[in-house]
Amino acid sequence: GTSQIQTALSRAMNLPPSRNADLLQGMSIPPGPIAGGPKSSMNPGTA
């Protein structure tokens, strides 16, 4: 759920863990053919 998404984000961005989902409000999935595509150019949070 959103908790697991937020935890992954926080760890990747070296942020303290939080139950508040505000961080997700500013996040988005990159548009385009991303299914299985290369993630090297993505920031760690998005990946």
PDB file of all heavy atoms in Angstrom:
ATOM      1  N   GLY A   1       0.829  -1.193   0.000  1.00  0.00           N
ATOM      2  CA  GLY A   1       0.000   0.000   0.000  1.00  0.00           C
ATOM      3  C   GLY A   1       0.864   1.244   0.000  1.00  0.00           C
ATOM      4  O   GLY A   1       2.070   1.201  -0.290  1.00  0.00           O
ATOM      5  N   THR A   2       0.253   2.366   0.353  1.00  0.00           N
ATOM      6  CA  THR A   2       1.008   3.627   0.342  1.00  0.00           C
ATOM      7  C   THR A   2       2.148   3.617   1.358  1.00  0.00           C
ATOM      8  O   THR A   2       3.167   4.280   1.158  1.00  0.00           O
ATOM      9  CB  THR A   2       0.078   4.817   0.628  1.00  0.00           C
ATOM     10  OG1 THR A   2      -0.560   4.633   1.901  1.00  0.00           O
ATOM     11  CG2 THR A   2      -0.988   4.953  -0.450  1.00  0.00           C
ATOM     12  N   SER A   3       1.990   2.869   2.445  1.00  0.00           N
ATOM     13  CA  SER A   3       3.057   2.799   3.447  1.00  0.00           C
ATOM     14  C   SER A   3       4.325   2.204   2.856  1.00  0.00           C
ATOM     15  O   SER A   3       5.433   2.720   3.075  1.00  0.00           O
ATOM     16  CB  SER A   3       2.600   1.962   4.646  1.00  0.00           C
ATOM     17  OG  SER A   3       3.655   1.751   5.564  1.00  0.00           O
ATOM     18  N   GLN A   4       4.175   1.122   2.081  1.00  0.00           N
ATOM     19  CA  GLN A   4       5.343   0.480   1.482  1.00  0.00           C
ATOM     20  C   GLN A   4       5.969   1.364   0.408  1.00  0.00           C
ATOM     21  O   GLN A   4       7.199   1.405   0.260  1.00  0.00           O
ATOM     22  CB  GLN A   4       4.948  -0.872   0.879  1.00  0.00           C
ATOM     23  CG  GLN A   4       4.631  -1.949   1.908  1.00  0.00           C
ATOM     24  CD  GLN A   4       3.226  -1.835   2.489  1.00  0.00           C
ATOM     25  OE1 GLN A   4       2.459  -0.939   2.132  1.00  0.00           O
ATOM     26  NE2 GLN A   4       2.886  -2.745   3.385  1.00  0.00           N
ATOM     27  N   ILE A   5       5.120   2.080  -0.350  1.00  0.00           N
ATOM     28  CA  ILE A   5       5.649   3.000  -1.367  1.00  0.00           C
ATOM     29  C   ILE A   5       6.429   4.123  -0.696  1.00  0.00           C
ATOM     30  O   ILE A   5       7.542   4.469  -1.102  1.00  0.00           O
ATOM     31  CB  ILE A   5       4.504   3.578  -2.222  1.00  0.00           C
ATOM     32  CG1 ILE A   5       3.768   2.459  -2.962  1.00  0.00           C
ATOM     33  CG2 ILE A   5       5.055   4.602  -3.222  1.00  0.00           C
ATOM     34  CD1 ILE A   5       2.513   2.924  -3.689  1.00  0.00           C
ATOM     35  N   GLN A   6       5.838   4.672   0.376  1.00  0.00           N
ATOM     36  CA  GLN A   6       6.491   5.783   1.071  1.00  0.00           C
ATOM     37  C   GLN A   6       7.779   5.340   1.757  1.00  0.00           C
ATOM     38  O   GLN A   6       8.770   6.078   1.771  1.00  0.00           O
ATOM     39  CB  GLN A   6       5.527   6.380   2.103  1.00  0.00           C
ATOM     40  CG  GLN A   6       6.156   7.459   2.957  1.00  0.00           C
ATOM     41  CD  GLN A   6       5.342   8.726   2.985  1.00  0.00           C
ATOM     42  OE1 GLN A   6       4.576   9.014   2.070  1.00  0.00           O
ATOM     43  NE2 GLN A   6       5.491   9.478   4.039  1.00  0.00           N
ATOM     44  N   THR A   7       7.776   4.140   2.335  1.00  0.00           N
ATOM     45  CA  THR A   7       8.988   3.627   2.979  1.00  0.00           C
ATOM     46  C   THR A   7      10.121   3.477   1.967  1.00  0.00           C
ATOM     47  O   THR A   7      11.278   3.845   2.239  1.00  0.00           O
ATOM     48  CB  THR A   7       8.704   2.271   3.658  1.00  0.00           C
ATOM     49  OG1 THR A   7       7.740   2.460   4.696  1.00  0.00           O
ATOM     50  CG2 THR A   7       9.974   1.680   4.256  1.00  0.00           C
ATOM     51  N   ALA A   8       9.789   2.948   0.786  1.00  0.00           N
ATOM     52  CA  ALA A   8      10.801   2.796  -0.265  1.00  0.00           C
ATOM     53  C   ALA A   8      11.339   4.158  -0.695  1.00  0.00           C
ATOM     54  O   ALA A   8      12.552   4.324  -0.902  1.00  0.00           O
ATOM     55  CB  ALA A   8      10.196   2.053  -1.456  1.00  0.00           C
ATOM     56  N   LEU A   9      10.449   5.124  -0.817  1.00  0.00           N
ATOM     57  CA  LEU A   9      10.857   6.484  -1.177  1.00  0.00           C
ATOM     58  C   LEU A   9      11.792   7.075  -0.128  1.00  0.00           C
ATOM     59  O   LEU A   9      12.842   7.639  -0.445  1.00  0.00           O
ATOM     60  CB  LEU A   9       9.627   7.379  -1.317  1.00  0.00           C
ATOM     61  CG  LEU A   9       8.946   7.477  -2.684  1.00  0.00           C
ATOM     62  CD1 LEU A   9       7.638   8.244  -2.550  1.00  0.00           C
ATOM     63  CD2 LEU A   9       9.852   8.171  -3.676  1.00  0.00           C
ATOM     64  N   SER A  10      11.381   6.972   1.131  1.00  0.00           N
ATOM     65  CA  SER A  10      12.153   7.570   2.223  1.00  0.00           C
ATOM     66  C   SER A  10      13.558   6.990   2.296  1.00  0.00           C
ATOM     67  O   SER A  10      14.550   7.716   2.462  1.00  0.00           O
ATOM     68  CB  SER A  10      11.427   7.360   3.558  1.00  0.00           C
ATOM     69  OG  SER A  10      10.156   7.993   3.555  1.00  0.00           O
ATOM     70  N   ARG A  11      13.653   5.669   2.164  1.00  0.00           N
ATOM     71  CA  ARG A  11      14.968   5.027   2.226  1.00  0.00           C
ATOM     72  C   ARG A  11      15.848   5.468   1.069  1.00  0.00           C
ATOM     73  O   ARG A  11      17.035   5.753   1.241  1.00  0.00           O
ATOM     74  CB  ARG A  11      14.797   3.510   2.212  1.00  0.00           C
ATOM     75  CG  ARG A  11      14.254   2.939   3.516  1.00  0.00           C
ATOM     76  CD  ARG A  11      13.997   1.456   3.390  1.00  0.00           C
ATOM     77  NE  ARG A  11      13.521   0.886   4.658  1.00  0.00           N
ATOM     78  CZ  ARG A  11      13.012  -0.339   4.773  1.00  0.00           C
ATOM     79  NH1 ARG A  11      12.933  -1.134   3.703  1.00  0.00           N
ATOM     80  NH2 ARG A  11      12.609  -0.785   5.955  1.00  0.00           N
ATOM     81  N   ALA A  12      15.253   5.521  -0.128  1.00  0.00           N
ATOM     82  CA  ALA A  12      16.035   5.896  -1.314  1.00  0.00           C
ATOM     83  C   ALA A  12      16.518   7.338  -1.244  1.00  0.00           C
ATOM     84  O   ALA A  12      17.582   7.675  -1.781  1.00  0.00           O
ATOM     85  CB  ALA A  12      15.196   5.683  -2.566  1.00  0.00           C
ATOM     86  N   MET A  13      15.736   8.188  -0.554  1.00  0.00           N
ATOM     87  CA  MET A  13      16.075   9.613  -0.491  1.00  0.00           C
ATOM     88  C   MET A  13      16.705   9.991   0.847  1.00  0.00           C
ATOM     89  O   MET A  13      16.848  11.169   1.160  1.00  0.00           O
ATOM     90  CB  MET A  13      14.810  10.439  -0.740  1.00  0.00           C
ATOM     91  CG  MET A  13      14.196  10.165  -2.117  1.00  0.00           C
ATOM     92  SD  MET A  13      12.560  10.909  -2.363  1.00  0.00           S
ATOM     93  CE  MET A  13      13.006  12.649  -2.451  1.00  0.00           C
ATOM     94  N   ASN A  14      17.048   8.964   1.656  1.00  0.00           N
ATOM     95  CA  ASN A  14      17.687   9.181   2.959  1.00  0.00           C
ATOM     96  C   ASN A  14      16.880  10.101   3.863  1.00  0.00           C
ATOM     97  O   ASN A  14      17.421  10.977   4.551  1.00  0.00           O
ATOM     98  CB  ASN A  14      19.109   9.742   2.777  1.00  0.00           C
ATOM     99  CG  ASN A  14      20.039   8.747   2.110  1.00  0.00           C
ATOM    100  OD1 ASN A  14      20.027   7.565   2.447  1.00  0.00           O
ATOM    101  ND2 ASN A  14      20.829   9.218   1.156  1.00  0.00           N
ATOM    102  N   LEU A  15      15.554   9.883   3.865  1.00  0.00           N
ATOM    103  CA  LEU A  15      14.664  10.644   4.724  1.00  0.00           C
ATOM    104  C   LEU A  15      14.222   9.772   5.893  1.00  0.00           C
ATOM    105  O   LEU A  15      14.160   8.543   5.771  1.00  0.00           O
ATOM    106  CB  LEU A  15      13.432  11.111   3.934  1.00  0.00           C
ATOM    107  CG  LEU A  15      13.696  12.097   2.786  1.00  0.00           C
ATOM    108  CD1 LEU A  15      12.422  12.323   1.988  1.00  0.00           C
ATOM    109  CD2 LEU A  15      14.221  13.418   3.339  1.00  0.00           C
ATOM    110  N   PRO A  16      13.903  10.374   7.040  1.00  0.00           N
ATOM    111  CA  PRO A  16      13.432   9.574   8.169  1.00  0.00           C
ATOM    112  C   PRO A  16      12.074   8.949   7.848  1.00  0.00           C
ATOM    113  O   PRO A  16      11.282   9.522   7.090  1.00  0.00           O
ATOM    114  CB  PRO A  16      13.310  10.597   9.308  1.00  0.00           C
ATOM    115  CG  PRO A  16      13.164  11.917   8.623  1.00  0.00           C
ATOM    116  CD  PRO A  16      13.964  11.818   7.360  1.00  0.00           C
ATOM    117  N   PRO A  17      11.787   7.768   8.403  1.00  0.00           N
ATOM    118  CA  PRO A  17      10.492   7.130   8.150  1.00  0.00           C
ATOM    119  C   PRO A  17       9.350   7.973   8.700  1.00  0.00           C
ATOM    120  O   PRO A  17       9.491   8.654   9.718  1.00  0.00           O
ATOM    121  CB  PRO A  17      10.597   5.789   8.884  1.00  0.00           C
ATOM    122  CG  PRO A  17      11.674   5.992   9.909  1.00  0.00           C
ATOM    123  CD  PRO A  17      12.631   6.977   9.315  1.00  0.00           C
ATOM    124  N   SER A  18       8.214   7.940   8.016  1.00  0.00           N
ATOM    125  CA  SER A  18       7.059   8.728   8.431  1.00  0.00           C
ATOM    126  C   SER A  18       5.775   8.020   7.992  1.00  0.00           C
ATOM    127  O   SER A  18       5.740   7.377   6.950  1.00  0.00           O
ATOM    128  CB  SER A  18       7.112  10.131   7.817  1.00  0.00           C
ATOM    129  OG  SER A  18       5.899  10.825   8.040  1.00  0.00           O
ATOM    130  N   ARG A  19       4.727   8.146   8.815  1.00  0.00           N
ATOM    131  CA  ARG A  19       3.419   7.596   8.445  1.00  0.00           C
ATOM    132  C   ARG A  19       2.612   8.607   7.642  1.00  0.00           C
ATOM    133  O   ARG A  19       1.551   8.281   7.120  1.00  0.00           O
ATOM    134  CB  ARG A  19       2.641   7.206   9.709  1.00  0.00           C
ATOM    135  CG  ARG A  19       3.198   5.981  10.388  1.00  0.00           C
ATOM    136  CD  ARG A  19       2.591   5.774  11.769  1.00  0.00           C
ATOM    137  NE  ARG A  19       1.163   5.580  11.757  1.00  0.00           N
ATOM    138  CZ  ARG A  19       0.550   4.414  11.543  1.00  0.00           C
ATOM    139  NH1 ARG A  19       1.283   3.327  11.279  1.00  0.00           N
ATOM    140  NH2 ARG A  19      -0.762   4.308  11.582  1.00  0.00           N
ATOM    141  N   ASN A  20       3.090   9.816   7.560  1.00  0.00           N
ATOM    142  CA  ASN A  20       2.391  10.856   6.817  1.00  0.00           C
ATOM    143  C   ASN A  20       2.647  10.678   5.321  1.00  0.00           C
ATOM    144  O   ASN A  20       3.791  10.577   4.890  1.00  0.00           O
ATOM    145  CB  ASN A  20       2.867  12.239   7.275  1.00  0.00           C
ATOM    146  CG  ASN A  20       1.970  13.350   6.770  1.00  0.00           C
ATOM    147  OD1 ASN A  20       1.652  13.408   5.588  1.00  0.00           O
ATOM    148  ND2 ASN A  20       1.566  14.231   7.667  1.00  0.00           N
ATOM    149  N   ALA A  21       1.576  10.654   4.533  1.00  0.00           N
ATOM    150  CA  ALA A  21       1.700  10.383   3.097  1.00  0.00           C
ATOM    151  C   ALA A  21       1.924  11.638   2.267  1.00  0.00           C
ATOM    152  O   ALA A  21       1.818  11.597   1.042  1.00  0.00           O
ATOM    153  CB  ALA A  21       0.453   9.653   2.605  1.00  0.00           C
ATOM    154  N   ASP A  22       2.258  12.760   2.914  1.00  0.00           N
ATOM    155  CA  ASP A  22       2.438  14.007   2.161  1.00  0.00           C
ATOM    156  C   ASP A  22       3.519  13.877   1.085  1.00  0.00           C
ATOM    157  O   ASP A  22       3.435  14.497   0.026  1.00  0.00           O
ATOM    158  CB  ASP A  22       2.805  15.151   3.106  1.00  0.00           C
ATOM    159  CG  ASP A  22       1.610  15.606   3.945  1.00  0.00           C
ATOM    160  OD1 ASP A  22       0.482  15.187   3.620  1.00  0.00           O
ATOM    161  OD2 ASP A  22       1.813  16.362   4.914  1.00  0.00           O
ATOM    162  N   LEU A  23       4.535  13.062   1.368  1.00  0.00           N
ATOM    163  CA  LEU A  23       5.622  12.908   0.409  1.00  0.00           C
ATOM    164  C   LEU A  23       5.101  12.379  -0.927  1.00  0.00           C
ATOM    165  O   LEU A  23       5.586  12.750  -1.998  1.00  0.00           O
ATOM    166  CB  LEU A  23       6.685  11.960   0.973  1.00  0.00           C
ATOM    167  CG  LEU A  23       7.946  11.731   0.128  1.00  0.00           C
ATOM    168  CD1 LEU A  23       8.695  13.031  -0.084  1.00  0.00           C
ATOM    169  CD2 LEU A  23       8.847  10.697   0.804  1.00  0.00           C
ATOM    170  N   LEU A  24       4.078  11.511  -0.867  1.00  0.00           N
ATOM    171  CA  LEU A  24       3.538  10.929  -2.096  1.00  0.00           C
ATOM    172  C   LEU A  24       2.784  11.948  -2.935  1.00  0.00           C
ATOM    173  O   LEU A  24       2.637  11.763  -4.151  1.00  0.00           O
ATOM    174  CB  LEU A  24       2.598   9.762  -1.761  1.00  0.00           C
ATOM    175  CG  LEU A  24       3.247   8.489  -1.210  1.00  0.00           C
ATOM    176  CD1 LEU A  24       2.184   7.443  -0.927  1.00  0.00           C
ATOM    177  CD2 LEU A  24       4.267   7.944  -2.194  1.00  0.00           C
ATOM    178  N   GLN A  25       2.285  13.004  -2.285  1.00  0.00           N
ATOM    179  CA  GLN A  25       1.497  13.989  -3.017  1.00  0.00           C
ATOM    180  C   GLN A  25       2.299  14.648  -4.133  1.00  0.00           C
ATOM    181  O   GLN A  25       1.763  15.024  -5.167  1.00  0.00           O
ATOM    182  CB  GLN A  25       0.962  15.068  -2.064  1.00  0.00           C
ATOM    183  CG  GLN A  25       0.065  14.538  -0.958  1.00  0.00           C
ATOM    184  CD  GLN A  25      -1.190  13.887  -1.475  1.00  0.00           C
ATOM    185  OE1 GLN A  25      -1.799  14.363  -2.420  1.00  0.00           O
ATOM    186  NE2 GLN A  25      -1.579  12.778  -0.857  1.00  0.00           N
ATOM    187  N   GLY A  26       3.595  14.773  -3.934  1.00  0.00           N
ATOM    188  CA  GLY A  26       4.403  15.438  -4.941  1.00  0.00           C
ATOM    189  C   GLY A  26       5.092  14.483  -5.901  1.00  0.00           C
ATOM    190  O   GLY A  26       5.888  14.919  -6.739  1.00  0.00           O
ATOM    191  N   MET A  27       4.817  13.188  -5.765  1.00  0.00           N
ATOM    192  CA  MET A  27       5.490  12.212  -6.606  1.00  0.00           C
ATOM    193  C   MET A  27       4.608  11.789  -7.771  1.00  0.00           C
ATOM    194  O   MET A  27       3.377  11.842  -7.694  1.00  0.00           O
ATOM    195  CB  MET A  27       5.869  10.979  -5.777  1.00  0.00           C
ATOM    196  CG  MET A  27       6.821  11.266  -4.640  1.00  0.00           C
ATOM    197  SD  MET A  27       8.406  11.964  -5.182  1.00  0.00           S
ATOM    198  CE  MET A  27       9.061  10.572  -6.130  1.00  0.00           C
ATOM    199  N   SER A  28       5.233  11.362  -8.849  1.00  0.00           N
ATOM    200  CA  SER A  28       4.475  10.861  -9.997  1.00  0.00           C
ATOM    201  C   SER A  28       5.270   9.772 -10.687  1.00  0.00           C
ATOM    202  O   SER A  28       6.504   9.714 -10.582  1.00  0.00           O
ATOM    203  CB  SER A  28       4.161  11.993 -10.983  1.00  0.00           C
ATOM    204  OG  SER A  28       5.354  12.491 -11.564  1.00  0.00           O
ATOM    205  N   ILE A  29       4.537   8.888 -11.362  1.00  0.00           N
ATOM    206  CA  ILE A  29       5.179   7.863 -12.179  1.00  0.00           C
ATOM    207  C   ILE A  29       5.601   8.512 -13.488  1.00  0.00           C
ATOM    208  O   ILE A  29       4.802   9.223 -14.108  1.00  0.00           O
ATOM    209  CB  ILE A  29       4.197   6.708 -12.474  1.00  0.00           C
ATOM    210  CG1 ILE A  29       3.622   6.151 -11.176  1.00  0.00           C
ATOM    211  CG2 ILE A  29       4.872   5.625 -13.292  1.00  0.00           C
ATOM    212  CD1 ILE A  29       4.596   5.431 -10.313  1.00  0.00           C
ATOM    213  N   PRO A  30       6.831   8.313 -13.940  1.00  0.00           N
ATOM    214  CA  PRO A  30       7.251   8.929 -15.210  1.00  0.00           C
ATOM    215  C   PRO A  30       6.367   8.449 -16.354  1.00  0.00           C
ATOM    216  O   PRO A  30       6.068   7.259 -16.444  1.00  0.00           O
ATOM    217  CB  PRO A  30       8.697   8.433 -15.395  1.00  0.00           C
ATOM    218  CG  PRO A  30       9.129   7.988 -14.050  1.00  0.00           C
ATOM    219  CD  PRO A  30       7.910   7.517 -13.338  1.00  0.00           C
ATOM    220  N   PRO A  31       5.913   9.346 -17.205  1.00  0.00           N
ATOM    221  CA  PRO A  31       5.106   8.930 -18.345  1.00  0.00           C
ATOM    222  C   PRO A  31       5.962   8.235 -19.392  1.00  0.00           C
ATOM    223  O   PRO A  31       7.186   8.341 -19.376  1.00  0.00           O
ATOM    224  CB  PRO A  31       4.560  10.256 -18.892  1.00  0.00           C
ATOM    225  CG  PRO A  31       5.586  11.265 -18.493  1.00  0.00           C
ATOM    226  CD  PRO A  31       6.148  10.795 -17.173  1.00  0.00           C
ATOM    227  N   GLY A  32       5.302   7.488 -20.276  1.00  0.00           N
ATOM    228  CA  GLY A  32       6.035   6.858 -21.365  1.00  0.00           C
ATOM    229  C   GLY A  32       6.203   5.371 -21.160  1.00  0.00           C
ATOM    230  O   GLY A  32       5.713   4.793 -20.189  1.00  0.00           O
ATOM    231  N   PRO A  33       6.907   4.705 -22.052  1.00  0.00           N
ATOM    232  CA  PRO A  33       7.074   3.244 -22.010  1.00  0.00           C
ATOM    233  C   PRO A  33       8.053   2.821 -20.931  1.00  0.00           C
ATOM    234  O   PRO A  33       9.235   2.591 -21.181  1.00  0.00           O
ATOM    235  CB  PRO A  33       7.617   2.907 -23.405  1.00  0.00           C
ATOM    236  CG  PRO A  33       8.339   4.142 -23.822  1.00  0.00           C
ATOM    237  CD  PRO A  33       7.585   5.301 -23.227  1.00  0.00           C
ATOM    238  N   ILE A  34       7.541   2.738 -19.693  1.00  0.00           N
ATOM    239  CA  ILE A  34       8.431   2.501 -18.553  1.00  0.00           C
ATOM    240  C   ILE A  34       8.441   1.063 -18.082  1.00  0.00           C
ATOM    241  O   ILE A  34       9.269   0.682 -17.279  1.00  0.00           O
ATOM    242  CB  ILE A  34       8.012   3.388 -17.368  1.00  0.00           C
ATOM    243  CG1 ILE A  34       6.550   3.164 -17.056  1.00  0.00           C
ATOM    244  CG2 ILE A  34       8.297   4.839 -17.654  1.00  0.00           C
ATOM    245  CD1 ILE A  34       6.042   3.935 -15.888  1.00  0.00           C
ATOM    246  N   ALA A  35       7.470   0.252 -18.550  1.00  0.00           N
ATOM    247  CA  ALA A  35       7.367  -1.109 -18.037  1.00  0.00           C
ATOM    248  C   ALA A  35       8.629  -1.903 -18.379  1.00  0.00           C
ATOM    249  O   ALA A  35       8.899  -2.229 -19.522  1.00  0.00           O
ATOM    250  CB  ALA A  35       6.141  -1.798 -18.624  1.00  0.00           C
ATOM    251  N   GLY A  36       9.420  -2.176 -17.370  1.00  0.00           N
ATOM    252  CA  GLY A  36      10.633  -2.953 -17.579  1.00  0.00           C
ATOM    253  C   GLY A  36      11.759  -2.179 -18.217  1.00  0.00           C
ATOM    254  O   GLY A  36      12.807  -2.747 -18.553  1.00  0.00           O
ATOM    255  N   GLY A  37      11.574  -0.895 -18.417  1.00  0.00           N
ATOM    256  CA  GLY A  37      12.583  -0.088 -19.092  1.00  0.00           C
ATOM    257  C   GLY A  37      13.742   0.231 -18.180  1.00  0.00           C
ATOM    258  O   GLY A  37      13.732  -0.046 -16.987  1.00  0.00           O
ATOM    259  N   PRO A  38      14.793   0.849 -18.722  1.00  0.00           N
ATOM    260  CA  PRO A  38      15.981   1.182 -17.909  1.00  0.00           C
ATOM    261  C   PRO A  38      15.656   2.235 -16.864  1.00  0.00           C
ATOM    262  O   PRO A  38      14.915   3.173 -17.119  1.00  0.00           O
ATOM    263  CB  PRO A  38      16.971   1.723 -18.945  1.00  0.00           C
ATOM    264  CG  PRO A  38      16.126   2.186 -20.091  1.00  0.00           C
ATOM    265  CD  PRO A  38      14.950   1.270 -20.138  1.00  0.00           C
ATOM    266  N   LYS A  39      16.216   2.056 -15.667  1.00  0.00           N
ATOM    267  CA  LYS A  39      15.948   2.976 -14.576  1.00  0.00           C
ATOM    268  C   LYS A  39      17.196   3.786 -14.205  1.00  0.00           C
ATOM    269  O   LYS A  39      17.195   4.527 -13.232  1.00  0.00           O
ATOM    270  CB  LYS A  39      15.441   2.211 -13.349  1.00  0.00           C
ATOM    271  CG  LYS A  39      14.145   1.460 -13.612  1.00  0.00           C
ATOM    272  CD  LYS A  39      13.664   0.735 -12.361  1.00  0.00           C
ATOM    273  CE  LYS A  39      12.329   0.047 -12.571  1.00  0.00           C
ATOM    274  NZ  LYS A  39      12.385  -1.020 -13.566  1.00  0.00           N
ATOM    275  N   SER A  40      18.266   3.619 -14.967  1.00  0.00           N
ATOM    276  CA  SER A  40      19.529   4.270 -14.607  1.00  0.00           C
ATOM    277  C   SER A  40      19.419   5.787 -14.629  1.00  0.00           C
ATOM    278  O   SER A  40      20.128   6.476 -13.892  1.00  0.00           O
ATOM    279  CB  SER A  40      20.635   3.799 -15.549  1.00  0.00           C
ATOM    280  OG  SER A  40      20.302   4.094 -16.902  1.00  0.00           O
ATOM    281  N   SER A  41      18.537   6.317 -15.497  1.00  0.00           N
ATOM    282  CA  SER A  41      18.419   7.764 -15.613  1.00  0.00           C
ATOM    283  C   SER A  41      17.429   8.355 -14.609  1.00  0.00           C
ATOM    284  O   SER A  41      17.271   9.570 -14.549  1.00  0.00           O
ATOM    285  CB  SER A  41      17.983   8.137 -17.037  1.00  0.00           C
ATOM    286  OG  SER A  41      16.721   7.565 -17.334  1.00  0.00           O
ATOM    287  N   MET A  42      16.757   7.492 -13.841  1.00  0.00           N
ATOM    288  CA  MET A  42      15.774   7.977 -12.875  1.00  0.00           C
ATOM    289  C   MET A  42      16.451   8.365 -11.578  1.00  0.00           C
ATOM    290  O   MET A  42      17.504   7.843 -11.222  1.00  0.00           O
ATOM    291  CB  MET A  42      14.740   6.885 -12.580  1.00  0.00           C
ATOM    292  CG  MET A  42      13.920   6.454 -13.761  1.00  0.00           C
ATOM    293  SD  MET A  42      12.798   5.126 -13.262  1.00  0.00           S
ATOM    294  CE  MET A  42      12.165   4.641 -14.866  1.00  0.00           C
ATOM    295  N   ASN A  43      15.786   9.274 -10.844  1.00  0.00           N
ATOM    296  CA  ASN A  43      16.299   9.562  -9.510  1.00  0.00           C
ATOM    297  C   ASN A  43      15.974   8.383  -8.603  1.00  0.00           C
ATOM    298  O   ASN A  43      15.056   7.597  -8.879  1.00  0.00           O
ATOM    299  CB  ASN A  43      15.727  10.881  -8.982  1.00  0.00           C
ATOM    300  CG  ASN A  43      14.239  10.796  -8.683  1.00  0.00           C
ATOM    301  OD1 ASN A  43      13.787  10.003  -7.856  1.00  0.00           O
ATOM    302  ND2 ASN A  43      13.452  11.633  -9.358  1.00  0.00           N
ATOM    303  N   PRO A  44      16.724   8.201  -7.510  1.00  0.00           N
ATOM    304  CA  PRO A  44      16.546   7.021  -6.661  1.00  0.00           C
ATOM    305  C   PRO A  44      15.127   6.874  -6.108  1.00  0.00           C
ATOM    306  O   PRO A  44      14.621   5.754  -5.970  1.00  0.00           O
ATOM    307  CB  PRO A  44      17.556   7.252  -5.529  1.00  0.00           C
ATOM    308  CG  PRO A  44      18.587   8.157  -6.118  1.00  0.00           C
ATOM    309  CD  PRO A  44      17.853   9.043  -7.075  1.00  0.00           C
ATOM    310  N   GLY A  45      14.477   7.992  -5.787  1.00  0.00           N
ATOM    311  CA  GLY A  45      13.122   7.922  -5.245  1.00  0.00           C
ATOM    312  C   GLY A  45      12.139   7.352  -6.246  1.00  0.00           C
ATOM    313  O   GLY A  45      11.317   6.494  -5.908  1.00  0.00           O
ATOM    314  N   THR A  46      12.219   7.814  -7.490  1.00  0.00           N
ATOM    315  CA  THR A  46      11.324   7.315  -8.529  1.00  0.00           C
ATOM    316  C   THR A  46      11.561   5.835  -8.790  1.00  0.00           C
ATOM    317  O   THR A  46      10.624   5.048  -8.929  1.00  0.00           O
ATOM    318  CB  THR A  46      11.514   8.119  -9.835  1.00  0.00           C
ATOM    319  OG1 THR A  46      11.217   9.491  -9.587  1.00  0.00           O
ATOM    320  CG2 THR A  46      10.599   7.596 -10.923  1.00  0.00           C
ATOM    321  N   ALA A  47      12.831   5.438  -8.857  1.00  0.00           N
ATOM    322  CA  ALA A  47      13.159   4.033  -9.087  1.00  0.00           C
ATOM    323  C   ALA A  47      12.625   3.150  -7.963  1.00  0.00           C
ATOM    324  O   ALA A  47      12.102   2.049  -8.212  1.00  0.00           O
ATOM    325  CB  ALA A  47      14.677   3.867  -9.218  1.00  0.00           C
TER     326      ALA A  47
END
